[in-house]
Amino acid sequence: APNQYIKSTKLRKAQLLLSQGKQANEASFEVGFSSFSQFSREYKRTFGYPPSETLSNAGIINLAPQQASVASSNQTIGDVNWGRF
């Protein structure tokens, strides 16, 4: 359905903006959501975590496995503090 495609595209763009450090409310309005609460609900439904957790999840997802294996228990790579994992 075209509406689902548009919503999915907006959410992926918002995910990119959030992973670059943009605030969730700014990203939601920038991609075209008029309601932040609706954006937050749809985001969590789509990605499985709220917009506020995007930086930590994006850091985990984007790291190559060899980078993760060499990280010491207290090392910070990007915005991820590996000491909490």
N, C-alpha and C. Protein backbone atom coordinates (compact mmCIF):
# COMPACT_ATOMS: atom_id res chain seq x y z
N ALA A 1 0.85 -1.19 0.00
CA ALA A 1 0.00 0.00 0.00
C ALA A 1 0.89 1.25 0.00
N PRO A 2 0.53 2.24 -0.75
CA PRO A 2 1.34 3.46 -0.84
C PRO A 2 1.53 4.16 0.50
N ASN A 3 0.48 4.19 1.33
CA ASN A 3 0.61 4.86 2.63
C ASN A 3 1.64 4.18 3.52
N GLN A 4 1.66 2.86 3.50
CA GLN A 4 2.63 2.11 4.30
C GLN A 4 4.06 2.39 3.81
N TYR A 5 4.23 2.46 2.51
CA TYR A 5 5.55 2.76 1.94
C TYR A 5 6.02 4.14 2.38
N ILE A 6 5.14 5.11 2.33
CA ILE A 6 5.48 6.49 2.72
C ILE A 6 5.86 6.53 4.20
N LYS A 7 5.04 5.87 5.04
CA LYS A 7 5.34 5.86 6.48
C LYS A 7 6.68 5.17 6.75
N SER A 8 6.92 4.05 6.08
CA SER A 8 8.17 3.32 6.26
C SER A 8 9.36 4.17 5.84
N THR A 9 9.23 4.88 4.74
CA THR A 9 10.30 5.76 4.26
C THR A 9 10.57 6.88 5.25
N LYS A 10 9.52 7.48 5.79
CA LYS A 10 9.68 8.54 6.80
C LYS A 10 10.39 8.02 8.04
N LEU A 11 10.01 6.82 8.47
CA LEU A 11 10.61 6.26 9.68
C LEU A 11 12.08 5.91 9.48
N ARG A 12 12.42 5.39 8.30
CA ARG A 12 13.83 5.09 8.02
C ARG A 12 14.66 6.38 7.98
N LYS A 13 14.11 7.43 7.40
CA LYS A 13 14.79 8.73 7.36
C LYS A 13 14.96 9.27 8.78
N ALA A 14 13.93 9.13 9.59
CA ALA A 14 14.01 9.58 10.99
C ALA A 14 15.07 8.78 11.74
N GLN A 15 15.15 7.48 11.48
CA GLN A 15 16.15 6.64 12.13
C GLN A 15 17.56 7.13 11.77
N LEU A 16 17.76 7.48 10.52
CA LEU A 16 19.05 8.01 10.10
C LEU A 16 19.37 9.32 10.82
N LEU A 17 18.40 10.22 10.88
CA LEU A 17 18.60 11.50 11.57
C LEU A 17 18.93 11.28 13.05
N LEU A 18 18.21 10.36 13.68
CA LEU A 18 18.45 10.08 15.09
C LEU A 18 19.84 9.48 15.31
N SER A 19 20.24 8.61 14.40
CA SER A 19 21.55 7.99 14.55
C SER A 19 22.68 9.00 14.34
N GLN A 20 22.35 10.13 13.72
CA GLN A 20 23.32 11.21 13.53
C GLN A 20 23.27 12.22 14.68
N GLY A 21 22.43 11.96 15.68
CA GLY A 21 22.38 12.80 16.87
C GLY A 21 21.26 13.81 16.94
N LYS A 22 20.36 13.81 15.98
CA LYS A 22 19.23 14.76 16.02
C LYS A 22 18.26 14.34 17.12
N GLN A 23 17.66 15.31 17.77
CA GLN A 23 16.67 15.04 18.81
C GLN A 23 15.43 14.40 18.19
N ALA A 24 14.77 13.52 18.93
CA ALA A 24 13.63 12.75 18.41
C ALA A 24 12.49 13.65 17.95
N ASN A 25 12.16 14.68 18.74
CA ASN A 25 11.05 15.55 18.32
C ASN A 25 11.39 16.32 17.05
N GLU A 26 12.65 16.73 16.90
CA GLU A 26 13.06 17.43 15.68
C GLU A 26 12.99 16.50 14.47
N ALA A 27 13.49 15.28 14.64
CA ALA A 27 13.48 14.31 13.54
C ALA A 27 12.05 13.99 13.11
N SER A 28 11.15 13.83 14.08
CA SER A 28 9.77 13.46 13.75
C SER A 28 9.10 14.53 12.89
N PHE A 29 9.28 15.78 13.27
CA PHE A 29 8.67 16.86 12.50
C PHE A 29 9.37 17.08 11.16
N GLU A 30 10.70 16.86 11.14
CA GLU A 30 11.45 17.04 9.90
C GLU A 30 11.02 16.04 8.82
N VAL A 31 10.65 14.84 9.22
CA VAL A 31 10.23 13.85 8.22
C VAL A 31 8.73 13.89 7.94
N GLY A 32 7.99 14.75 8.65
CA GLY A 32 6.60 14.97 8.29
C GLY A 32 5.54 14.46 9.24
N PHE A 33 5.91 14.03 10.44
CA PHE A 33 4.90 13.64 11.42
C PHE A 33 4.44 14.90 12.14
N SER A 34 3.13 15.08 12.25
CA SER A 34 2.61 16.26 12.96
C SER A 34 2.42 15.98 14.44
N SER A 35 2.40 14.71 14.82
CA SER A 35 2.23 14.33 16.22
C SER A 35 3.44 13.51 16.67
N PHE A 36 4.14 14.01 17.68
CA PHE A 36 5.30 13.29 18.18
C PHE A 36 4.90 11.95 18.81
N SER A 37 3.77 11.93 19.52
CA SER A 37 3.35 10.67 20.15
C SER A 37 3.03 9.61 19.11
N GLN A 38 2.42 10.00 18.00
CA GLN A 38 2.15 9.05 16.92
C GLN A 38 3.47 8.56 16.31
N PHE A 39 4.40 9.47 16.09
CA PHE A 39 5.71 9.10 15.57
C PHE A 39 6.38 8.09 16.49
N SER A 40 6.39 8.38 17.79
CA SER A 40 7.06 7.51 18.75
C SER A 40 6.44 6.11 18.75
N ARG A 41 5.11 6.04 18.71
CA ARG A 41 4.41 4.74 18.66
C ARG A 41 4.78 3.97 17.41
N GLU A 42 4.71 4.62 16.25
CA GLU A 42 5.01 3.97 14.98
C GLU A 42 6.47 3.55 14.90
N TYR A 43 7.35 4.37 15.43
CA TYR A 43 8.78 4.07 15.42
C TYR A 43 9.05 2.80 16.22
N LYS A 44 8.50 2.74 17.43
CA LYS A 44 8.72 1.56 18.27
C LYS A 44 8.09 0.32 17.64
N ARG A 45 6.93 0.47 17.05
CA ARG A 45 6.27 -0.66 16.38
C ARG A 45 7.13 -1.16 15.21
N THR A 46 7.77 -0.26 14.49
CA THR A 46 8.57 -0.62 13.31
C THR A 46 9.93 -1.20 13.67
N PHE A 47 10.64 -0.55 14.60
CA PHE A 47 12.02 -0.93 14.88
C PHE A 47 12.20 -1.76 16.14
N GLY A 48 11.18 -1.80 17.00
CA GLY A 48 11.27 -2.61 18.21
C GLY A 48 11.89 -1.90 19.40
N TYR A 49 12.20 -0.64 19.26
CA TYR A 49 12.74 0.16 20.36
C TYR A 49 12.31 1.61 20.13
N PRO A 50 12.23 2.41 21.21
CA PRO A 50 11.78 3.80 21.06
C PRO A 50 12.85 4.67 20.41
N PRO A 51 12.45 5.80 19.87
CA PRO A 51 13.40 6.71 19.23
C PRO A 51 14.56 7.10 20.15
N SER A 52 14.30 7.21 21.42
CA SER A 52 15.35 7.63 22.37
C SER A 52 16.48 6.62 22.48
N GLU A 53 16.28 5.38 22.05
CA GLU A 53 17.31 4.35 22.13
C GLU A 53 18.03 4.13 20.80
N THR A 54 17.78 4.98 19.82
CA THR A 54 18.35 4.77 18.49
C THR A 54 19.86 4.85 18.47
N LEU A 55 20.45 5.81 19.15
CA LEU A 55 21.91 5.93 19.12
C LEU A 55 22.58 4.67 19.64
N SER A 56 22.11 4.14 20.75
CA SER A 56 22.74 2.93 21.30
C SER A 56 22.49 1.73 20.39
N ASN A 57 21.30 1.59 19.85
CA ASN A 57 21.01 0.47 18.95
C ASN A 57 21.73 0.61 17.61
N ALA A 58 21.82 1.82 17.09
CA ALA A 58 22.52 2.03 15.82
C ALA A 58 24.00 1.71 15.96
N GLY A 59 24.60 2.06 17.09
CA GLY A 59 26.00 1.76 17.33
C GLY A 59 26.26 0.27 17.35
N ILE A 60 25.37 -0.48 17.93
CA ILE A 60 25.53 -1.93 18.00
C ILE A 60 25.34 -2.54 16.62
N ILE A 61 24.32 -2.11 15.92
CA ILE A 61 24.00 -2.67 14.61
C ILE A 61 25.08 -2.36 13.59
N ASN A 62 25.62 -1.15 13.61
CA ASN A 62 26.55 -0.73 12.58
C ASN A 62 27.99 -1.17 12.80
N LEU A 63 28.33 -1.61 14.00
CA LEU A 63 29.70 -2.03 14.26
C LEU A 63 29.97 -3.37 13.60
N ALA A 64 31.09 -3.48 12.93
CA ALA A 64 31.49 -4.76 12.36
C ALA A 64 31.86 -5.69 13.51
N PRO A 65 31.62 -6.99 13.38
CA PRO A 65 31.89 -7.93 14.47
C PRO A 65 33.33 -7.87 15.00
N GLN A 66 34.32 -7.71 14.13
CA GLN A 66 35.70 -7.66 14.61
C GLN A 66 35.94 -6.43 15.47
N GLN A 67 35.25 -5.32 15.22
CA GLN A 67 35.41 -4.14 16.06
C GLN A 67 34.83 -4.40 17.45
N ALA A 68 33.70 -5.07 17.50
CA ALA A 68 33.06 -5.34 18.78
C ALA A 68 33.91 -6.29 19.61
N SER A 69 34.58 -7.26 18.98
CA SER A 69 35.34 -8.24 19.73
C SER A 69 36.62 -7.66 20.34
N VAL A 70 37.14 -6.58 19.78
CA VAL A 70 38.36 -5.99 20.33
C VAL A 70 38.07 -4.88 21.33
N ALA A 71 36.82 -4.53 21.51
CA ALA A 71 36.46 -3.48 22.45
C ALA A 71 36.65 -3.99 23.88
N SER A 72 37.38 -3.24 24.69
CA SER A 72 37.55 -3.65 26.08
C SER A 72 36.27 -3.35 26.85
N SER A 73 36.19 -3.82 28.06
CA SER A 73 34.96 -3.70 28.83
C SER A 73 34.59 -2.25 29.14
N ASN A 74 35.53 -1.33 29.13
CA ASN A 74 35.22 0.06 29.42
C ASN A 74 35.48 0.99 28.26
N GLN A 75 35.71 0.47 27.08
CA GLN A 75 36.03 1.29 25.92
C GLN A 75 34.76 1.87 25.31
N THR A 76 34.86 3.10 24.83
CA THR A 76 33.75 3.73 24.13
C THR A 76 34.11 3.81 22.65
N ILE A 77 33.24 3.29 21.81
CA ILE A 77 33.41 3.36 20.37
C ILE A 77 32.22 4.13 19.83
N GLY A 78 32.47 5.22 19.15
CA GLY A 78 31.37 6.07 18.69
C GLY A 78 30.64 6.60 19.90
N ASP A 79 29.32 6.40 19.94
CA ASP A 79 28.50 6.86 21.06
C ASP A 79 28.13 5.71 21.98
N VAL A 80 28.73 4.54 21.80
CA VAL A 80 28.36 3.37 22.59
C VAL A 80 29.41 3.14 23.66
N ASN A 81 28.98 3.12 24.91
CA ASN A 81 29.87 2.76 26.02
C ASN A 81 29.77 1.26 26.21
N TRP A 82 30.81 0.56 25.82
CA TRP A 82 30.77 -0.91 25.85
C TRP A 82 30.84 -1.46 27.25
N GLY A 83 31.10 -0.64 28.25
CA GLY A 83 31.15 -1.11 29.62
C GLY A 83 29.81 -1.57 30.15
N ARG A 84 28.72 -1.17 29.51
CA ARG A 84 27.40 -1.55 30.02
C ARG A 84 26.86 -2.80 29.36
N PHE A 85 27.60 -3.44 28.50
CA PHE A 85 27.10 -4.64 27.83
C PHE A 85 27.69 -5.88 28.43
